[in-house]
Amino acid sequence: QVQLVESGGGLVQPGGSLTLSCAFSGSTLPAYALGWFRQAPGQEREGVACVTNTNFWRDYGPSVKGRFTISRDNGKNTVFLQMNNLKPEDSAVYYCAAPPPFKLGCFLNADDYNTWGQGAQVTVSS
């Protein structure tokens, strides 16, 4: 059974940077596309970034494009989300997610995912 564990959240000042990690276990990481989502209080879960299982294609939500970068290290069974130029509106709980194995593509819709981590809090504030 696939398990995902996020780490690296915390408090950062506006304009700062933070890197989230997602440790993958329970199956073969190269078989899975992966995504990052976030949810702020009272708001719907938002797709932030995704990467295909082949690491060939990435996509980003419009509010983070140009500031966030998703990457994966299959050898270390880890996916990363590098976040630069953070804004207060980036504050949320960030989730790592995996769809069913061998699902082709890169997805920013939460309905495409069936396995979720427990989340990591990111707070951007001065």
Foldseek 3Di string as FASTA:
>chain_A
DKAKAKDWADEAAAQAKTKMKIAIDDDQQLQWKKFKWWDAPPDDIWTAKIAWSPNPDMDGDPVQPPFWDWDDDRVRRMIMIIGGRDDQVVWTWMKMFIAPTNDGDIDGDPVRTDYIHPTGTHGYHD
